[in-house]
């Protein structure tokens, strides 16, 4: 039987779904519980799938099961199949009711409460029945979420990890030194990096994106990265400490551009200005977006227009 005949007549989506569940769970028994069925039914589905494709898909061992090279290849295709099927169902839902639907956005923790929230607010006013799912995390984690089709697209910084992905520029995101509005520094019109070295800083750990950009900013002034009194990758913690007026920190400017942030902090006019980071939409190549996802990106472009002109 030719491969097209296998796909058209014998390959069942249910069996493919069972294979994905088994690999995720690591055993037949756990997959059965996950799928609310019995272990014999799971074994039967895997056996049917192996007969259909003509190769062994799973290796059984004392610790459970793991996919063979053939199994991994089929799993990669299965993720794509179910991702496209999910998008097709979203499109049908949108066609049935253009004011409803679901969109899943991946973004970094800075953009979620600022730029992305502004887009959600704008679009939800027009289409209040759209359901928004926002997934946050580091860039590497977000790329995995996109590759696994757990999100429709990403709104985040451009990075070198774009194999099989496309990037659409939205705006340049500057990094700024931030202080509380009660800090004496907030009343200055011009500040040099050298003047801030002896202050109490709360900074992200070395090696992070912000730390790298900040290091370049200090080096441009012939200075070393300042010693931090508090080191944390939590932007919320750094903002809270800066708001006391006793600490300085470095943030993405979008944290201050939108009304979701409290007015207790402000960007300082520090020179030289730190470099911008390109922010945009990252999508999987050759993947059709749902109408709701496309609509969200259109609104993101509109919200980004004033930022792109700065």
Foldseek 3Di string as FASTA:
>chain_A
DDLVCLVVPQDDLVLLVLLVLQQVQQALCSSCVVVVHHSVVSVVSQVSNCVSVVHRQWDQDPRHIHGDPVVVVSNLVSLQVVLQVVLVVQQVVCVVPVLEGEAEEEEAPLCVLFLLVVLCVVSCVVRVHYHYHYHHDDPVVVVVCQSSNVHAWYWYFDDPPQVQKDWDFQAWWFKFKKAFCPAPQVPDPEAEPVVCQPAAEEEEDPPDPQNVQVQVQQVVVVHGDHDHPHYHPDPVVRVVVRLVNRYMYMDTCSSVPGPSHDRRMDGGNYPPTTGTTTITMMHGPPHDGHPVNVVSRVSSNVSRVVRRVD
